[in-house]
Amino acid sequence: MGTAKDILGCKCPKCQKGDMFERKDSFISLGIPKMYERCPDCGYKFERETGFFFGAMFVSYGLAAAQMITTFVIFWYFIGLSPFNVFLIVVFMAALLSTLNFKWSRAIWLYLFFKEEK
């Protein structure tokens, strides 16, 4: 459970204490969140090589698709809103969660390839 909490909190995979991003705001943020180059607590280098986080784009796509499908099912099947209203809600949720998806996808990608250095 600790790993899931650390990923959602965007904590360093090595020490689980340092933040990966400079600002802690999660939902509403203008602009792309700025990521530290190294962990402020232990100095672990987040970007392992140039273009390392390119793969996080695919993780972000998966997160966004899952969120949009879930939103669609809830508002279409369970609440019974009109197609246009469901569309607006899905687009709004995707936009609202985009910053959070950016952070989570990078955290997930980093944890997938983290190897404890001995």
PDB file of N, CA and C in Angstrom:
ATOM      1  N   MET A   1       0.822  -1.199   0.000  1.00  0.00           N
ATOM      2  CA  MET A   1       0.000   0.000   0.000  1.00  0.00           C
ATOM      3  C   MET A   1       0.862   1.257   0.000  1.00  0.00           C
ATOM      4  N   GLY A   2       2.047   1.147   0.577  1.00  0.00           N
ATOM      5  CA  GLY A   2       2.927   2.301   0.638  1.00  0.00           C
ATOM      6  C   GLY A   2       3.321   2.800  -0.729  1.00  0.00           C
ATOM      7  N   THR A   3       3.565   1.891  -1.668  1.00  0.00           N
ATOM      8  CA  THR A   3       3.975   2.298  -3.002  1.00  0.00           C
ATOM      9  C   THR A   3       2.865   3.060  -3.706  1.00  0.00           C
ATOM     10  N   ALA A   4       1.631   2.599  -3.617  1.00  0.00           N
ATOM     11  CA  ALA A   4       0.508   3.293  -4.243  1.00  0.00           C
ATOM     12  C   ALA A   4       0.354   4.697  -3.653  1.00  0.00           C
ATOM     13  N   LYS A   5       0.492   4.810  -2.353  1.00  0.00           N
ATOM     14  CA  LYS A   5       0.394   6.117  -1.691  1.00  0.00           C
ATOM     15  C   LYS A   5       1.523   7.043  -2.148  1.00  0.00           C
ATOM     16  N   ASP A   6       2.719   6.493  -2.302  1.00  0.00           N
ATOM     17  CA  ASP A   6       3.861   7.291  -2.749  1.00  0.00           C
ATOM     18  C   ASP A   6       3.708   7.725  -4.204  1.00  0.00           C
ATOM     19  N   ILE A   7       3.163   6.847  -5.042  1.00  0.00           N
ATOM     20  CA  ILE A   7       2.930   7.207  -6.444  1.00  0.00           C
ATOM     21  C   ILE A   7       1.885   8.306  -6.526  1.00  0.00           C
ATOM     22  N   LEU A   8       0.764   8.140  -5.832  1.00  0.00           N
ATOM     23  CA  LEU A   8      -0.300   9.155  -5.873  1.00  0.00           C
ATOM     24  C   LEU A   8       0.164  10.478  -5.264  1.00  0.00           C
ATOM     25  N   GLY A   9       1.072  10.401  -4.305  1.00  0.00           N
ATOM     26  CA  GLY A   9       1.617  11.607  -3.699  1.00  0.00           C
ATOM     27  C   GLY A   9       2.821  12.160  -4.439  1.00  0.00           C
ATOM     28  N   CYS A  10       3.231  11.477  -5.511  1.00  0.00           N
ATOM     29  CA  CYS A  10       4.386  11.878  -6.335  1.00  0.00           C
ATOM     30  C   CYS A  10       5.640  12.055  -5.484  1.00  0.00           C
ATOM     31  N   LYS A  11       5.949  11.018  -4.717  1.00  0.00           N
ATOM     32  CA  LYS A  11       7.133  11.014  -3.865  1.00  0.00           C
ATOM     33  C   LYS A  11       8.285  10.296  -4.557  1.00  0.00           C
ATOM     34  N   CYS A  12       9.484  10.586  -4.129  1.00  0.00           N
ATOM     35  CA  CYS A  12      10.697   9.972  -4.676  1.00  0.00           C
ATOM     36  C   CYS A  12      10.645   8.455  -4.489  1.00  0.00           C
ATOM     37  N   PRO A  13      10.968   7.682  -5.535  1.00  0.00           N
ATOM     38  CA  PRO A  13      10.925   6.227  -5.386  1.00  0.00           C
ATOM     39  C   PRO A  13      12.033   5.669  -4.492  1.00  0.00           C
ATOM     40  N   LYS A  14      13.084   6.434  -4.297  1.00  0.00           N
ATOM     41  CA  LYS A  14      14.201   5.945  -3.483  1.00  0.00           C
ATOM     42  C   LYS A  14      13.961   6.167  -1.992  1.00  0.00           C
ATOM     43  N   CYS A  15      13.608   7.382  -1.600  1.00  0.00           N
ATOM     44  CA  CYS A  15      13.460   7.683  -0.169  1.00  0.00           C
ATOM     45  C   CYS A  15      12.002   7.797   0.287  1.00  0.00           C
ATOM     46  N   GLN A  16      11.081   7.901  -0.646  1.00  0.00           N
ATOM     47  CA  GLN A  16       9.639   8.068  -0.370  1.00  0.00           C
ATOM     48  C   GLN A  16       9.326   9.296   0.488  1.00  0.00           C
ATOM     49  N   LYS A  17      10.238  10.263   0.504  1.00  0.00           N
ATOM     50  CA  LYS A  17      10.023  11.478   1.294  1.00  0.00           C
ATOM     51  C   LYS A  17       9.999  12.718   0.423  1.00  0.00           C
ATOM     52  N   GLY A  18      10.952  12.829  -0.490  1.00  0.00           N
ATOM     53  CA  GLY A  18      11.062  14.021  -1.320  1.00  0.00           C
ATOM     54  C   GLY A  18       9.979  14.089  -2.380  1.00  0.00           C
ATOM     55  N   ASP A  19       9.553  15.305  -2.689  1.00  0.00           N
ATOM     56  CA  ASP A  19       8.544  15.516  -3.726  1.00  0.00           C
ATOM     57  C   ASP A  19       9.196  15.499  -5.101  1.00  0.00           C
ATOM     58  N   MET A  20       8.460  14.993  -6.088  1.00  0.00           N
ATOM     59  CA  MET A  20       8.948  14.981  -7.464  1.00  0.00           C
ATOM     60  C   MET A  20       8.688  16.324  -8.156  1.00  0.00           C
ATOM     61  N   PHE A  21       7.651  17.040  -7.703  1.00  0.00           N
ATOM     62  CA  PHE A  21       7.260  18.299  -8.341  1.00  0.00           C
ATOM     63  C   PHE A  21       7.398  19.456  -7.373  1.00  0.00           C
ATOM     64  N   GLU A  22       7.677  20.633  -7.938  1.00  0.00           N
ATOM     65  CA  GLU A  22       7.947  21.806  -7.110  1.00  0.00           C
ATOM     66  C   GLU A  22       6.711  22.297  -6.361  1.00  0.00           C
ATOM     67  N   ARG A  23       5.555  22.261  -7.027  1.00  0.00           N
ATOM     68  CA  ARG A  23       4.322  22.719  -6.372  1.00  0.00           C
ATOM     69  C   ARG A  23       3.439  21.528  -6.054  1.00  0.00           C
ATOM     70  N   LYS A  24       2.712  21.603  -4.947  1.00  0.00           N
ATOM     71  CA  LYS A  24       1.885  20.492  -4.512  1.00  0.00           C
ATOM     72  C   LYS A  24       0.450  20.563  -5.032  1.00  0.00           C
ATOM     73  N   ASP A  25       0.076  21.648  -5.717  1.00  0.00           N
ATOM     74  CA  ASP A  25      -1.302  21.737  -6.207  1.00  0.00           C
ATOM     75  C   ASP A  25      -1.595  20.566  -7.127  1.00  0.00           C
ATOM     76  N   SER A  26      -2.788  20.018  -7.026  1.00  0.00           N
ATOM     77  CA  SER A  26      -3.057  18.804  -7.783  1.00  0.00           C
ATOM     78  C   SER A  26      -4.072  19.015  -8.897  1.00  0.00           C
ATOM     79  N   PHE A  27      -5.186  19.631  -8.639  1.00  0.00           N
ATOM     80  CA  PHE A  27      -6.230  19.721  -9.651  1.00  0.00           C
ATOM     81  C   PHE A  27      -6.093  20.936 -10.553  1.00  0.00           C
ATOM     82  N   ILE A  28      -6.220  22.100  -9.976  1.00  0.00           N
ATOM     83  CA  ILE A  28      -6.261  23.305 -10.793  1.00  0.00           C
ATOM     84  C   ILE A  28      -4.877  23.939 -10.830  1.00  0.00           C
ATOM     85  N   SER A  29      -4.286  23.907 -11.999  1.00  0.00           N
ATOM     86  CA  SER A  29      -2.963  24.470 -12.174  1.00  0.00           C
ATOM     87  C   SER A  29      -2.847  24.990 -13.602  1.00  0.00           C
ATOM     88  N   LEU A  30      -2.370  26.181 -13.735  1.00  0.00           N
ATOM     89  CA  LEU A  30      -2.147  26.727 -15.062  1.00  0.00           C
ATOM     90  C   LEU A  30      -0.720  26.411 -15.469  1.00  0.00           C
ATOM     91  N   GLY A  31      -0.564  25.819 -16.613  1.00  0.00           N
ATOM     92  CA  GLY A  31       0.762  25.457 -17.087  1.00  0.00           C
ATOM     93  C   GLY A  31       1.143  24.041 -16.694  1.00  0.00           C
ATOM     94  N   ILE A  32       2.262  23.609 -17.227  1.00  0.00           N
ATOM     95  CA  ILE A  32       2.760  22.263 -16.966  1.00  0.00           C
ATOM     96  C   ILE A  32       3.505  22.267 -15.628  1.00  0.00           C
ATOM     97  N   PRO A  33       3.214  21.305 -14.760  1.00  0.00           N
ATOM     98  CA  PRO A  33       3.918  21.252 -13.472  1.00  0.00           C
ATOM     99  C   PRO A  33       5.427  21.095 -13.674  1.00  0.00           C
ATOM    100  N   LYS A  34       6.185  21.801 -12.873  1.00  0.00           N
ATOM    101  CA  LYS A  34       7.648  21.768 -12.951  1.00  0.00           C
ATOM    102  C   LYS A  34       8.162  20.654 -12.047  1.00  0.00           C
ATOM    103  N   MET A  35       8.959  19.777 -12.645  1.00  0.00           N
ATOM    104  CA  MET A  35       9.501  18.637 -11.920  1.00  0.00           C
ATOM    105  C   MET A  35      10.937  18.932 -11.491  1.00  0.00           C
ATOM    106  N   TYR A  36      11.257  18.529 -10.273  1.00  0.00           N
ATOM    107  CA  TYR A  36      12.641  18.653  -9.822  1.00  0.00           C
ATOM    108  C   TYR A  36      13.535  17.759 -10.671  1.00  0.00           C
ATOM    109  N   GLU A  37      14.767  18.192 -10.890  1.00  0.00           N
ATOM    110  CA  GLU A  37      15.730  17.346 -11.589  1.00  0.00           C
ATOM    111  C   GLU A  37      16.188  16.211 -10.681  1.00  0.00           C
ATOM    112  N   ARG A  38      16.350  16.536  -9.397  1.00  0.00           N
ATOM    113  CA  ARG A  38      16.772  15.552  -8.398  1.00  0.00           C
ATOM    114  C   ARG A  38      15.874  15.660  -7.178  1.00  0.00           C
ATOM    115  N   CYS A  39      15.824  14.585  -6.423  1.00  0.00           N
ATOM    116  CA  CYS A  39      15.034  14.579  -5.186  1.00  0.00           C
ATOM    117  C   CYS A  39      15.642  15.587  -4.204  1.00  0.00           C
ATOM    118  N   PRO A  40      14.814  16.468  -3.634  1.00  0.00           N
ATOM    119  CA  PRO A  40      15.339  17.445  -2.667  1.00  0.00           C
ATOM    120  C   PRO A  40      15.882  16.804  -1.384  1.00  0.00           C
ATOM    121  N   ASP A  41      15.448  15.587  -1.073  1.00  0.00           N
ATOM    122  CA  ASP A  41      15.885  14.945   0.172  1.00  0.00           C
ATOM    123  C   ASP A  41      17.107  14.035  -0.007  1.00  0.00           C
ATOM    124  N   CYS A  42      17.080  13.160  -1.031  1.00  0.00           N
ATOM    125  CA  CYS A  42      18.159  12.180  -1.161  1.00  0.00           C
ATOM    126  C   CYS A  42      19.046  12.392  -2.395  1.00  0.00           C
ATOM    127  N   GLY A  43      18.652  13.284  -3.300  1.00  0.00           N
ATOM    128  CA  GLY A  43      19.465  13.572  -4.480  1.00  0.00           C
ATOM    129  C   GLY A  43      19.283  12.604  -5.637  1.00  0.00           C
ATOM    130  N   TYR A  44      18.311  11.705  -5.550  1.00  0.00           N
ATOM    131  CA  TYR A  44      18.064  10.745  -6.637  1.00  0.00           C
ATOM    132  C   TYR A  44      17.680  11.492  -7.909  1.00  0.00           C
ATOM    133  N   LYS A  45      18.327  11.159  -9.027  1.00  0.00           N
ATOM    134  CA  LYS A  45      18.055  11.816 -10.308  1.00  0.00           C
ATOM    135  C   LYS A  45      16.805  11.206 -10.932  1.00  0.00           C
ATOM    136  N   PHE A  46      15.778  12.030 -11.146  1.00  0.00           N
ATOM    137  CA  PHE A  46      14.507  11.531 -11.653  1.00  0.00           C
ATOM    138  C   PHE A  46      14.569  11.161 -13.137  1.00  0.00           C
ATOM    139  N   GLU A  47      15.079  12.041 -13.967  1.00  0.00           N
ATOM    140  CA  GLU A  47      15.132  11.743 -15.400  1.00  0.00           C
ATOM    141  C   GLU A  47      16.385  10.916 -15.666  1.00  0.00           C
ATOM    142  N   ARG A  48      16.192   9.635 -15.873  1.00  0.00           N
ATOM    143  CA  ARG A  48      17.303   8.694 -16.000  1.00  0.00           C
ATOM    144  C   ARG A  48      18.134   8.933 -17.254  1.00  0.00           C
ATOM    145  N   GLU A  49      17.509   9.381 -18.328  1.00  0.00           N
ATOM    146  CA  GLU A  49      18.192   9.689 -19.580  1.00  0.00           C
ATOM    147  C   GLU A  49      17.316  10.659 -20.358  1.00  0.00           C
ATOM    148  N   THR A  50      17.866  11.244 -21.402  1.00  0.00           N
ATOM    149  CA  THR A  50      17.099  12.169 -22.223  1.00  0.00           C
ATOM    150  C   THR A  50      15.899  11.441 -22.826  1.00  0.00           C
ATOM    151  N   GLY A  51      14.736  12.023 -22.686  1.00  0.00           N
ATOM    152  CA  GLY A  51      13.522  11.427 -23.230  1.00  0.00           C
ATOM    153  C   GLY A  51      12.952  10.307 -22.385  1.00  0.00           C
ATOM    154  N   PHE A  52      13.430  10.159 -21.159  1.00  0.00           N
ATOM    155  CA  PHE A  52      12.987   9.066 -20.289  1.00  0.00           C
ATOM    156  C   PHE A  52      11.474   9.082 -20.081  1.00  0.00           C
ATOM    157  N   PHE A  53      10.908  10.264 -19.918  1.00  0.00           N
ATOM    158  CA  PHE A  53       9.484  10.361 -19.606  1.00  0.00           C
ATOM    159  C   PHE A  53       8.585  10.344 -20.835  1.00  0.00           C
ATOM    160  N   PHE A  54       9.136  10.076 -22.005  1.00  0.00           N
ATOM    161  CA  PHE A  54       8.313   9.965 -23.203  1.00  0.00           C
ATOM    162  C   PHE A  54       7.266   8.858 -23.034  1.00  0.00           C
ATOM    163  N   GLY A  55       7.641   7.771 -22.428  1.00  0.00           N
ATOM    164  CA  GLY A  55       6.720   6.660 -22.205  1.00  0.00           C
ATOM    165  C   GLY A  55       5.595   6.990 -21.247  1.00  0.00           C
ATOM    166  N   ALA A  56       5.809   7.994 -20.387  1.00  0.00           N
ATOM    167  CA  ALA A  56       4.763   8.402 -19.450  1.00  0.00           C
ATOM    168  C   ALA A  56       3.547   8.957 -20.192  1.00  0.00           C
ATOM    169  N   MET A  57       3.764   9.393 -21.432  1.00  0.00           N
ATOM    170  CA  MET A  57       2.659   9.894 -22.244  1.00  0.00           C
ATOM    171  C   MET A  57       1.620   8.783 -22.463  1.00  0.00           C
ATOM    172  N   PHE A  58       2.076   7.556 -22.650  1.00  0.00           N
ATOM    173  CA  PHE A  58       1.170   6.441 -22.866  1.00  0.00           C
ATOM    174  C   PHE A  58       0.430   6.082 -21.576  1.00  0.00           C
ATOM    175  N   VAL A  59       1.100   6.205 -20.455  1.00  0.00           N
ATOM    176  CA  VAL A  59       0.453   5.986 -19.165  1.00  0.00           C
ATOM    177  C   VAL A  59      -0.622   7.048 -18.952  1.00  0.00           C
ATOM    178  N   SER A  60      -0.314   8.289 -19.287  1.00  0.00           N
ATOM    179  CA  SER A  60      -1.277   9.375 -19.157  1.00  0.00           C
ATOM    180  C   SER A  60      -2.499   9.140 -20.041  1.00  0.00           C
ATOM    181  N   TYR A  61      -2.260   8.641 -21.238  1.00  0.00           N
ATOM    182  CA  TYR A  61      -3.359   8.319 -22.149  1.00  0.00           C
ATOM    183  C   TYR A  61      -4.271   7.256 -21.528  1.00  0.00           C
ATOM    184  N   GLY A  62      -3.679   6.234 -20.956  1.00  0.00           N
ATOM    185  CA  GLY A  62      -4.456   5.182 -20.310  1.00  0.00           C
ATOM    186  C   GLY A  62      -5.259   5.695 -19.126  1.00  0.00           C
ATOM    187  N   LEU A  63      -4.647   6.552 -18.309  1.00  0.00           N
ATOM    188  CA  LEU A  63      -5.360   7.139 -17.174  1.00  0.00           C
ATOM    189  C   LEU A  63      -6.537   7.990 -17.648  1.00  0.00           C
ATOM    190  N   ALA A  64      -6.283   8.829 -18.648  1.00  0.00           N
ATOM    191  CA  ALA A  64      -7.340   9.705 -19.160  1.00  0.00           C
ATOM    192  C   ALA A  64      -8.483   8.895 -19.769  1.00  0.00           C
ATOM    193  N   ALA A  65      -8.144   7.855 -20.522  1.00  0.00           N
ATOM    194  CA  ALA A  65      -9.180   7.017 -21.132  1.00  0.00           C
ATOM    195  C   ALA A  65     -10.025   6.339 -20.056  1.00  0.00           C
ATOM    196  N   ALA A  66      -9.391   5.799 -19.032  1.00  0.00           N
ATOM    197  CA  ALA A  66     -10.127   5.151 -17.940  1.00  0.00           C
ATOM    198  C   ALA A  66     -11.030   6.139 -17.216  1.00  0.00           C
ATOM    199  N   GLN A  67     -10.541   7.345 -16.986  1.00  0.00           N
ATOM    200  CA  GLN A  67     -11.349   8.352 -16.310  1.00  0.00           C
ATOM    201  C   GLN A  67     -12.530   8.789 -17.171  1.00  0.00           C
ATOM    202  N   MET A  68     -12.290   8.950 -18.474  1.00  0.00           N
ATOM    203  CA  MET A  68     -13.381   9.371 -19.353  1.00  0.00           C
ATOM    204  C   MET A  68     -14.429   8.271 -19.501  1.00  0.00           C
ATOM    205  N   ILE A  69     -14.008   7.033 -19.604  1.00  0.00           N
ATOM    206  CA  ILE A  69     -14.963   5.922 -19.709  1.00  0.00           C
ATOM    207  C   ILE A  69     -15.782   5.808 -18.428  1.00  0.00           C
ATOM    208  N   THR A  70     -15.126   5.930 -17.288  1.00  0.00           N
ATOM    209  CA  THR A  70     -15.831   5.872 -16.008  1.00  0.00           C
ATOM    210  C   THR A  70     -16.842   7.006 -15.892  1.00  0.00           C
ATOM    211  N   THR A  71     -16.431   8.208 -16.259  1.00  0.00           N
ATOM    212  CA  THR A  71     -17.341   9.362 -16.216  1.00  0.00           C
ATOM    213  C   THR A  71     -18.521   9.138 -17.153  1.00  0.00           C
ATOM    214  N   PHE A  72     -18.244   8.633 -18.351  1.00  0.00           N
ATOM    215  CA  PHE A  72     -19.300   8.357 -19.320  1.00  0.00           C
ATOM    216  C   PHE A  72     -20.318   7.362 -18.768  1.00  0.00           C
ATOM    217  N   VAL A  73     -19.814   6.252 -18.219  1.00  0.00           N
ATOM    218  CA  VAL A  73     -20.707   5.213 -17.700  1.00  0.00           C
ATOM    219  C   VAL A  73     -21.565   5.755 -16.560  1.00  0.00           C
ATOM    220  N   ILE A  74     -20.960   6.496 -15.667  1.00  0.00           N
ATOM    221  CA  ILE A  74     -21.710   7.036 -14.525  1.00  0.00           C
ATOM    222  C   ILE A  74     -22.813   7.974 -14.998  1.00  0.00           C
ATOM    223  N   PHE A  75     -22.494   8.921 -15.855  1.00  0.00           N
ATOM    224  CA  PHE A  75     -23.473   9.939 -16.230  1.00  0.00           C
ATOM    225  C   PHE A  75     -24.433   9.484 -17.328  1.00  0.00           C
ATOM    226  N   TRP A  76     -24.066   8.504 -18.135  1.00  0.00           N
ATOM    227  CA  TRP A  76     -24.954   8.025 -19.205  1.00  0.00           C
ATOM    228  C   TRP A  76     -25.882   6.920 -18.694  1.00  0.00           C
ATOM    229  N   TYR A  77     -25.282   5.886 -18.089  1.00  0.00           N
ATOM    230  CA  TYR A  77     -26.069   4.728 -17.687  1.00  0.00           C
ATOM    231  C   TYR A  77     -26.752   4.887 -16.333  1.00  0.00           C
ATOM    232  N   PHE A  78     -26.064   5.444 -15.368  1.00  0.00           N
ATOM    233  CA  PHE A  78     -26.629   5.508 -14.030  1.00  0.00           C
ATOM    234  C   PHE A  78     -27.459   6.762 -13.774  1.00  0.00           C
ATOM    235  N   ILE A  79     -27.044   7.888 -14.323  1.00  0.00           N
ATOM    236  CA  ILE A  79     -27.776   9.132 -14.094  1.00  0.00           C
ATOM    237  C   ILE A  79     -28.729   9.432 -15.248  1.00  0.00           C
ATOM    238  N   GLY A  80     -28.377   8.990 -16.447  1.00  0.00           N
ATOM    239  CA  GLY A  80     -29.280   9.127 -17.591  1.00  0.00           C
ATOM    240  C   GLY A  80     -29.330  10.508 -18.216  1.00  0.00           C
ATOM    241  N   LEU A  81     -28.209  11.204 -18.240  1.00  0.00           N
ATOM    242  CA  LEU A  81     -28.183  12.524 -18.860  1.00  0.00           C
ATOM    243  C   LEU A  81     -28.195  12.401 -20.388  1.00  0.00           C
ATOM    244  N   SER A  82     -28.475  13.508 -21.042  1.00  0.00           N
ATOM    245  CA  SER A  82     -28.495  13.532 -22.508  1.00  0.00           C
ATOM    246  C   SER A  82     -27.064  13.382 -23.047  1.00  0.00           C
ATOM    247  N   PRO A  83     -26.928  12.917 -24.298  1.00  0.00           N
ATOM    248  CA  PRO A  83     -25.583  12.731 -24.865  1.00  0.00           C
ATOM    249  C   PRO A  83     -24.738  14.005 -24.847  1.00  0.00           C
ATOM    250  N   PHE A  84     -25.341  15.139 -25.135  1.00  0.00           N
ATOM    251  CA  PHE A  84     -24.576  16.387 -25.153  1.00  0.00           C
ATOM    252  C   PHE A  84     -24.070  16.738 -23.757  1.00  0.00           C
ATOM    253  N   ASN A  85     -24.921  16.587 -22.753  1.00  0.00           N
ATOM    254  CA  ASN A  85     -24.502  16.886 -21.373  1.00  0.00           C
ATOM    255  C   ASN A  85     -23.403  15.927 -20.904  1.00  0.00           C
ATOM    256  N   VAL A  86     -23.530  14.666 -21.279  1.00  0.00           N
ATOM    257  CA  VAL A  86     -22.500  13.694 -20.927  1.00  0.00           C
ATOM    258  C   VAL A  86     -21.185  14.074 -21.598  1.00  0.00           C
ATOM    259  N   PHE A  87     -21.245  14.465 -22.859  1.00  0.00           N
ATOM    260  CA  PHE A  87     -20.047  14.893 -23.583  1.00  0.00           C
ATOM    261  C   PHE A  87     -19.370  16.070 -22.872  1.00  0.00           C
ATOM    262  N   LEU A  88     -20.159  17.069 -22.494  1.00  0.00           N
ATOM    263  CA  LEU A  88     -19.602  18.240 -21.807  1.00  0.00           C
ATOM    264  C   LEU A  88     -18.945  17.857 -20.482  1.00  0.00           C
ATOM    265  N   ILE A  89     -19.585  16.977 -19.743  1.00  0.00           N
ATOM    266  CA  ILE A  89     -19.032  16.548 -18.456  1.00  0.00           C
ATOM    267  C   ILE A  89     -17.740  15.763 -18.656  1.00  0.00           C
ATOM    268  N   VAL A  90     -17.715  14.883 -19.661  1.00  0.00           N
ATOM    269  CA  VAL A  90     -16.503  14.095 -19.934  1.00  0.00           C
ATOM    270  C   VAL A  90     -15.351  15.006 -20.323  1.00  0.00           C
ATOM    271  N   VAL A  91     -15.612  15.990 -21.184  1.00  0.00           N
ATOM    272  CA  VAL A  91     -14.561  16.932 -21.603  1.00  0.00           C
ATOM    273  C   VAL A  91     -14.086  17.756 -20.408  1.00  0.00           C
ATOM    274  N   PHE A  92     -15.023  18.211 -19.580  1.00  0.00           N
ATOM    275  CA  PHE A  92     -14.669  18.991 -18.392  1.00  0.00           C
ATOM    276  C   PHE A  92     -13.795  18.171 -17.435  1.00  0.00           C
ATOM    277  N   MET A  93     -14.170  16.919 -17.199  1.00  0.00           N
ATOM    278  CA  MET A  93     -13.393  16.062 -16.296  1.00  0.00           C
ATOM    279  C   MET A  93     -11.999  15.792 -16.856  1.00  0.00           C
ATOM    280  N   ALA A  94     -11.913  15.572 -18.174  1.00  0.00           N
ATOM    281  CA  ALA A  94     -10.604  15.327 -18.795  1.00  0.00           C
ATOM    282  C   ALA A  94      -9.700  16.543 -18.628  1.00  0.00           C
ATOM    283  N   ALA A  95     -10.261  17.732 -18.823  1.00  0.00           N
ATOM    284  CA  ALA A  95      -9.469  18.955 -18.669  1.00  0.00           C
ATOM    285  C   ALA A  95      -9.082  19.168 -17.202  1.00  0.00           C
ATOM    286  N   LEU A  96     -10.009  18.915 -16.302  1.00  0.00           N
ATOM    287  CA  LEU A  96      -9.757  19.115 -14.880  1.00  0.00           C
ATOM    288  C   LEU A  96      -8.665  18.183 -14.355  1.00  0.00           C
ATOM    289  N   LEU A  97      -8.650  16.960 -14.850  1.00  0.00           N
ATOM    290  CA  LEU A  97      -7.704  15.960 -14.352  1.00  0.00           C
ATOM    291  C   LEU A  97      -6.404  15.884 -15.147  1.00  0.00           C
ATOM    292  N   SER A  98      -6.244  16.722 -16.158  1.00  0.00           N
ATOM    293  CA  SER A  98      -5.056  16.628 -17.013  1.00  0.00           C
ATOM    294  C   SER A  98      -3.749  16.880 -16.244  1.00  0.00           C
ATOM    295  N   THR A  99      -3.739  17.862 -15.371  1.00  0.00           N
ATOM    296  CA  THR A  99      -2.530  18.144 -14.587  1.00  0.00           C
ATOM    297  C   THR A  99      -2.215  16.987 -13.646  1.00  0.00           C
ATOM    298  N   LEU A 100      -3.252  16.457 -13.029  1.00  0.00           N
ATOM    299  CA  LEU A 100      -3.070  15.323 -12.126  1.00  0.00           C
ATOM    300  C   LEU A 100      -2.567  14.104 -12.897  1.00  0.00           C
ATOM    301  N   ASN A 101      -3.098  13.878 -14.094  1.00  0.00           N
ATOM    302  CA  ASN A 101      -2.641  12.768 -14.931  1.00  0.00           C
ATOM    303  C   ASN A 101      -1.184  12.933 -15.331  1.00  0.00           C
ATOM    304  N   PHE A 102      -0.782  14.160 -15.617  1.00  0.00           N
ATOM    305  CA  PHE A 102       0.613  14.432 -15.967  1.00  0.00           C
ATOM    306  C   PHE A 102       1.531  13.993 -14.838  1.00  0.00           C
ATOM    307  N   LYS A 103       1.177  14.387 -13.620  1.00  0.00           N
ATOM    308  CA  LYS A 103       2.004  14.047 -12.460  1.00  0.00           C
ATOM    309  C   LYS A 103       1.981  12.547 -12.179  1.00  0.00           C
ATOM    310  N   TRP A 104       0.791  11.964 -12.157  1.00  0.00           N
ATOM    311  CA  TRP A 104       0.679  10.543 -11.848  1.00  0.00           C
ATOM    312  C   TRP A 104       1.370   9.681 -12.892  1.00  0.00           C
ATOM    313  N   SER A 105       1.253  10.047 -14.159  1.00  0.00           N
ATOM    314  CA  SER A 105       1.869   9.233 -15.208  1.00  0.00           C
ATOM    315  C   SER A 105       3.393   9.248 -15.088  1.00  0.00           C
ATOM    316  N   ARG A 106       3.958  10.386 -14.759  1.00  0.00           N
ATOM    317  CA  ARG A 106       5.409  10.444 -14.558  1.00  0.00           C
ATOM    318  C   ARG A 106       5.834   9.654 -13.327  1.00  0.00           C
ATOM    319  N   ALA A 107       5.041   9.742 -12.268  1.00  0.00           N
ATOM    320  CA  ALA A 107       5.358   8.980 -11.053  1.00  0.00           C
ATOM    321  C   ALA A 107       5.264   7.478 -11.327  1.00  0.00           C
ATOM    322  N   ILE A 108       4.210   7.047 -12.012  1.00  0.00           N
ATOM    323  CA  ILE A 108       4.053   5.632 -12.342  1.00  0.00           C
ATOM    324  C   ILE A 108       5.219   5.161 -13.205  1.00  0.00           C
ATOM    325  N   TRP A 109       5.578   5.957 -14.208  1.00  0.00           N
ATOM    326  CA  TRP A 109       6.668   5.588 -15.120  1.00  0.00           C
ATOM    327  C   TRP A 109       7.988   5.472 -14.367  1.00  0.00           C
ATOM    328  N   LEU A 110       8.233   6.406 -13.472  1.00  0.00           N
ATOM    329  CA  LEU A 110       9.476   6.379 -12.702  1.00  0.00           C
ATOM    330  C   LEU A 110       9.522   5.163 -11.782  1.00  0.00           C
ATOM    331  N   TYR A 111       8.407   4.846 -11.130  1.00  0.00           N
ATOM    332  CA  TYR A 111       8.370   3.683 -10.240  1.00  0.00           C
ATOM    333  C   TYR A 111       8.493   2.380 -11.014  1.00  0.00           C
ATOM    334  N   LEU A 112       7.969   2.331 -12.248  1.00  0.00           N
ATOM    335  CA  LEU A 112       8.090   1.114 -13.063  1.00  0.00           C
ATOM    336  C   LEU A 112       9.545   0.763 -13.346  1.00  0.00           C
ATOM    337  N   PHE A 113      10.369   1.789 -13.533  1.00  0.00           N
ATOM    338  CA  PHE A 113      11.766   1.553 -13.910  1.00  0.00           C
ATOM    339  C   PHE A 113      12.751   1.826 -12.784  1.00  0.00           C
ATOM    340  N   PHE A 114      12.260   1.976 -11.569  1.00  0.00           N
ATOM    341  CA  PHE A 114      13.146   2.228 -10.436  1.00  0.00           C
ATOM    342  C   PHE A 114      13.839   0.937 -10.015  1.00  0.00           C
ATOM    343  N   LYS A 115      15.141   1.022  -9.876  1.00  0.00           N
ATOM    344  CA  LYS A 115      15.936  -0.096  -9.351  1.00  0.00           C
ATOM    345  C   LYS A 115      16.783   0.458  -8.212  1.00  0.00           C
ATOM    346  N   GLU A 116      16.701  -0.194  -7.085  1.00  0.00           N
ATOM    347  CA  GLU A 116      17.478   0.235  -5.924  1.00  0.00           C
ATOM    348  C   GLU A 116      18.958   0.086  -6.236  1.00  0.00           C
ATOM    349  N   GLU A 117      19.691   1.187  -6.083  1.00  0.00           N
ATOM    350  CA  GLU A 117      21.135   1.165  -6.342  1.00  0.00           C
ATOM    351  C   GLU A 117      21.844   0.605  -5.124  1.00  0.00           C
ATOM    352  N   LYS A 118      22.758  -0.333  -5.364  1.00  0.00           N
ATOM    353  CA  LYS A 118      23.460  -0.975  -4.243  1.00  0.00           C
ATOM    354  C   LYS A 118      24.865  -0.477  -4.125  1.00  0.00           C
TER     355      LYS A 118
END
